[in-house]
N, C-alpha and C. Protein backbone atom coordinates (compact mmCIF):
# COMPACT_ATOMS: atom_id res chain seq x y z
N MET A 1 -35.84 -4.58 -17.41
CA MET A 1 -34.75 -4.29 -18.37
C MET A 1 -33.62 -4.56 -17.37
N THR A 2 -32.57 -5.29 -18.26
CA THR A 2 -31.26 -5.64 -17.45
C THR A 2 -30.05 -4.77 -18.12
N THR A 3 -29.19 -4.53 -17.32
CA THR A 3 -28.10 -3.81 -17.81
C THR A 3 -26.94 -4.72 -17.93
N GLU A 4 -25.93 -4.89 -18.77
CA GLU A 4 -24.75 -5.61 -18.66
C GLU A 4 -23.66 -4.83 -17.91
N GLN A 5 -23.02 -5.89 -17.44
CA GLN A 5 -21.76 -4.94 -16.67
C GLN A 5 -20.46 -5.22 -17.58
N THR A 6 -19.87 -4.35 -17.83
CA THR A 6 -18.34 -4.64 -18.45
C THR A 6 -17.38 -4.85 -17.42
N PRO A 7 -16.56 -5.70 -17.71
CA PRO A 7 -15.60 -5.97 -16.59
C PRO A 7 -14.70 -4.70 -16.40
N ALA A 8 -13.88 -4.43 -15.38
CA ALA A 8 -13.04 -3.41 -15.09
C ALA A 8 -11.97 -3.26 -15.90
N ARG A 9 -11.55 -2.24 -16.33
CA ARG A 9 -10.18 -2.53 -17.16
C ARG A 9 -9.11 -2.04 -16.33
N ARG A 10 -8.19 -2.89 -16.68
CA ARG A 10 -6.80 -3.04 -15.85
C ARG A 10 -5.80 -2.45 -16.96
N ARG A 11 -4.63 -1.71 -16.23
CA ARG A 11 -3.44 -1.45 -17.05
C ARG A 11 -2.77 -2.53 -17.28
N GLN A 12 -2.09 -2.88 -18.31
CA GLN A 12 -1.17 -3.76 -18.60
C GLN A 12 0.06 -3.43 -18.48
N ALA A 13 0.88 -4.23 -17.73
CA ALA A 13 2.30 -3.63 -17.66
C ALA A 13 3.16 -4.65 -18.48
N PRO A 14 4.15 -4.18 -19.05
CA PRO A 14 5.18 -5.01 -19.92
C PRO A 14 5.52 -5.98 -18.90
N ASP A 15 5.82 -7.26 -19.73
CA ASP A 15 6.23 -8.44 -19.09
C ASP A 15 8.07 -8.13 -18.22
N SER A 16 8.41 -7.28 -18.83
CA SER A 16 9.78 -7.00 -18.27
C SER A 16 9.53 -6.42 -16.81
N LEU A 17 8.44 -5.71 -16.69
CA LEU A 17 8.22 -5.25 -15.12
C LEU A 17 7.58 -6.04 -14.31
N LEU A 18 7.19 -7.15 -14.71
CA LEU A 18 6.56 -8.18 -13.85
C LEU A 18 7.41 -8.37 -12.38
N PRO A 19 8.75 -8.71 -12.78
CA PRO A 19 9.24 -9.11 -11.27
C PRO A 19 9.19 -7.62 -10.36
N VAL A 20 9.38 -6.56 -10.60
CA VAL A 20 9.34 -5.15 -10.19
C VAL A 20 7.72 -5.21 -9.57
N LEU A 21 6.95 -5.59 -10.04
CA LEU A 21 5.58 -5.41 -9.69
C LEU A 21 5.52 -6.63 -8.50
N MET A 22 5.84 -7.60 -8.71
CA MET A 22 5.86 -8.77 -7.75
C MET A 22 6.63 -8.21 -6.28
N ALA A 23 7.78 -7.78 -6.76
CA ALA A 23 8.52 -7.25 -5.58
C ALA A 23 7.87 -6.17 -4.88
N GLY A 24 7.27 -5.29 -5.42
CA GLY A 24 6.37 -4.41 -4.81
C GLY A 24 5.16 -4.93 -3.78
N HIS A 25 4.59 -5.93 -4.32
CA HIS A 25 3.65 -6.67 -3.56
C HIS A 25 4.41 -7.56 -2.50
N VAL A 26 5.51 -8.06 -2.62
CA VAL A 26 6.30 -8.50 -1.20
C VAL A 26 6.49 -7.55 -0.27
N LEU A 27 7.12 -6.23 -0.93
CA LEU A 27 7.50 -5.44 0.23
C LEU A 27 6.33 -4.67 0.77
N ARG A 28 5.20 -4.83 0.22
CA ARG A 28 4.01 -4.20 0.89
C ARG A 28 3.67 -5.23 2.14
N HIS A 29 3.55 -6.54 1.75
CA HIS A 29 3.47 -7.45 2.68
C HIS A 29 4.51 -7.43 3.94
N ARG A 30 5.80 -7.56 3.71
CA ARG A 30 6.88 -7.26 4.44
C ARG A 30 6.66 -6.03 5.63
N ALA A 31 6.60 -4.90 4.86
CA ALA A 31 6.10 -3.55 5.37
C ALA A 31 4.92 -3.68 6.55
N HIS A 32 3.74 -4.52 5.93
CA HIS A 32 2.92 -4.75 7.03
C HIS A 32 3.05 -5.44 8.11
N ARG A 33 4.05 -6.52 7.98
CA ARG A 33 4.46 -7.40 9.09
C ARG A 33 5.30 -6.56 10.06
N LEU A 34 6.51 -5.72 9.42
CA LEU A 34 7.20 -4.86 10.37
C LEU A 34 6.30 -3.98 11.19
N THR A 35 5.22 -3.38 10.67
CA THR A 35 4.21 -2.52 11.47
C THR A 35 3.71 -3.26 12.43
N ALA A 36 3.54 -4.69 12.11
CA ALA A 36 2.61 -5.52 13.53
C ALA A 36 3.56 -5.61 14.45
N ALA A 37 5.03 -5.89 13.87
CA ALA A 37 6.00 -6.49 14.88
C ALA A 37 6.10 -5.19 15.53
N GLY A 38 6.14 -3.95 15.20
CA GLY A 38 6.66 -2.78 16.03
C GLY A 38 5.48 -2.35 17.02
N ARG A 39 4.31 -3.06 16.91
CA ARG A 39 3.22 -2.90 17.75
C ARG A 39 3.34 -3.89 19.05
N GLY A 40 4.39 -4.91 18.85
CA GLY A 40 4.44 -5.65 20.09
C GLY A 40 4.19 -7.10 19.72
N ARG A 41 3.60 -7.59 18.80
CA ARG A 41 3.16 -8.84 18.58
C ARG A 41 4.41 -9.89 18.17
N ASP A 42 5.31 -9.39 17.35
CA ASP A 42 6.47 -10.29 17.22
C ASP A 42 8.03 -9.65 17.41
N LYS A 43 8.06 -9.14 18.38
CA LYS A 43 9.41 -8.39 18.42
C LYS A 43 10.44 -9.37 18.21
N GLY A 44 10.61 -10.55 18.28
CA GLY A 44 11.65 -11.39 17.96
C GLY A 44 12.08 -11.44 16.54
N ALA A 45 10.89 -11.34 15.76
CA ALA A 45 11.14 -11.33 14.39
C ALA A 45 11.47 -10.07 13.47
N LEU A 46 11.70 -8.97 14.41
CA LEU A 46 11.83 -7.71 13.89
C LEU A 46 13.11 -7.54 13.14
N SER A 47 14.26 -8.09 13.58
CA SER A 47 15.57 -7.95 13.11
C SER A 47 15.62 -8.93 11.61
N ILE A 48 15.08 -9.92 11.76
CA ILE A 48 14.76 -10.99 10.72
C ILE A 48 14.16 -10.13 9.41
N GLU A 49 13.08 -9.52 9.99
CA GLU A 49 12.13 -8.99 8.92
C GLU A 49 12.98 -7.77 8.22
N LEU A 50 13.58 -7.19 9.05
CA LEU A 50 14.50 -5.91 8.52
C LEU A 50 15.51 -6.33 7.49
N ALA A 51 16.06 -7.51 7.87
CA ALA A 51 16.98 -8.01 6.95
C ALA A 51 16.46 -8.58 5.69
N LEU A 52 15.37 -9.17 5.77
CA LEU A 52 14.71 -9.68 4.47
C LEU A 52 14.19 -8.18 3.54
N LEU A 53 13.81 -7.46 4.48
CA LEU A 53 13.36 -6.32 3.56
C LEU A 53 14.52 -5.66 2.81
N VAL A 54 15.61 -5.62 3.28
CA VAL A 54 16.90 -4.96 2.94
C VAL A 54 17.23 -5.93 1.66
N LEU A 55 16.90 -7.09 1.73
CA LEU A 55 17.53 -8.11 0.88
C LEU A 55 16.59 -7.88 -0.49
N VAL A 56 15.19 -7.50 -0.34
CA VAL A 56 14.21 -7.80 -1.37
C VAL A 56 14.50 -6.27 -1.84
N LEU A 57 14.42 -5.13 -1.06
CA LEU A 57 15.05 -3.91 -1.85
C LEU A 57 16.06 -3.80 -2.81
N ILE A 58 17.03 -4.59 -2.30
CA ILE A 58 18.35 -4.71 -3.28
C ILE A 58 18.19 -5.40 -4.42
N LEU A 59 17.18 -6.51 -4.44
CA LEU A 59 16.73 -7.31 -5.37
C LEU A 59 15.85 -6.41 -6.25
N ALA A 60 15.22 -5.61 -5.71
CA ALA A 60 14.26 -5.04 -6.56
C ALA A 60 15.02 -3.99 -7.51
N ALA A 61 16.05 -3.17 -6.82
CA ALA A 61 16.72 -2.54 -7.47
C ALA A 61 17.53 -3.06 -8.62
N GLY A 62 18.11 -4.14 -8.38
CA GLY A 62 18.79 -4.89 -9.35
C GLY A 62 17.91 -5.18 -10.63
N LEU A 63 16.33 -5.59 -10.31
CA LEU A 63 15.60 -5.75 -11.38
C LEU A 63 15.32 -4.74 -12.07
N VAL A 64 15.15 -3.50 -11.53
CA VAL A 64 14.93 -2.36 -12.10
C VAL A 64 16.25 -1.94 -13.17
N VAL A 65 17.21 -2.10 -12.56
CA VAL A 65 18.39 -1.80 -13.34
C VAL A 65 18.45 -2.59 -14.74
N ALA A 66 18.26 -4.12 -14.42
CA ALA A 66 18.34 -4.90 -15.23
C ALA A 66 16.97 -4.75 -16.42
N ALA A 67 16.02 -4.30 -15.82
CA ALA A 67 14.61 -3.80 -16.97
C ALA A 67 15.31 -2.85 -17.94
N ILE A 68 15.95 -1.84 -17.15
CA ILE A 68 16.27 -0.41 -17.83
C ILE A 68 17.41 -0.85 -18.80
N THR A 69 18.24 -1.63 -18.73
CA THR A 69 19.46 -2.02 -19.35
C THR A 69 19.08 -2.81 -20.43
N ASN A 70 18.00 -3.56 -20.25
CA ASN A 70 17.48 -4.62 -21.35
C ASN A 70 16.65 -3.33 -22.41
N LEU A 71 15.94 -2.41 -21.93
CA LEU A 71 15.08 -1.64 -22.74
C LEU A 71 16.10 -0.59 -23.49
N VAL A 72 17.16 -0.03 -23.05
CA VAL A 72 18.09 0.75 -23.59
C VAL A 72 18.91 -0.02 -24.71
N THR A 73 19.07 -1.10 -24.28
CA THR A 73 20.03 -1.90 -25.30
C THR A 73 19.04 -2.36 -26.48
N SER A 74 18.06 -2.85 -26.37
CA SER A 74 17.10 -2.96 -27.49
C SER A 74 16.87 -1.98 -28.34
N LYS A 75 16.83 -0.75 -27.63
CA LYS A 75 16.66 0.36 -28.53
C LYS A 75 17.72 0.96 -29.36
N ALA A 76 18.93 0.78 -28.59
CA ALA A 76 20.07 0.97 -29.29
C ALA A 76 20.24 0.16 -30.33
N ASN A 77 20.09 -1.05 -30.30
CA ASN A 77 20.06 -2.26 -31.46
C ASN A 77 19.08 -1.65 -32.72
N GLN A 78 17.72 -1.49 -32.21
CA GLN A 78 17.20 -0.90 -33.18
C GLN A 78 17.64 0.31 -33.91
N ILE A 79 18.15 1.31 -33.26
CA ILE A 79 18.70 2.61 -33.94
C ILE A 79 19.94 2.09 -34.98
N SER A 80 20.69 1.08 -34.41
CA SER A 80 22.02 0.86 -35.10
C SER A 80 21.60 0.03 -36.21
N ASN A 81 20.51 -0.74 -36.15
CA ASN A 81 20.11 -1.41 -37.32
C ASN A 81 19.43 -0.54 -38.09
N GLY A 82 19.06 0.55 -37.99
CA GLY A 82 18.43 1.59 -38.97
C GLY A 82 16.93 1.57 -39.00
N ASN A 83 16.20 0.66 -37.85
CA ASN A 83 14.86 0.59 -37.77
C ASN A 83 14.41 2.07 -37.09
N GLY A 84 15.05 2.06 -36.25
CA GLY A 84 14.75 3.79 -35.50
C GLY A 84 13.32 3.67 -34.60
N GLY A 85 12.40 2.90 -34.78
CA GLY A 85 11.43 2.93 -34.15
C GLY A 85 10.70 2.03 -33.13
């Protein structure tokens, strides 16, 4: 008797949020490197890593604002055209 395995279900993110998800992955990677640098492995790279982390955070915030602005604008256009939904 064999059993079939079904693939794991994954949540699908809207395309407009893909850059935010990618930025989250990069941030986790950079945070891990900062943690490793804090342990004494790469002390010289710590300030560069922090500067890059700040830049990525600013970029991520900008992407979130752009995604929300895009969503609100499209919904407002739907309402003004009478589609409403």
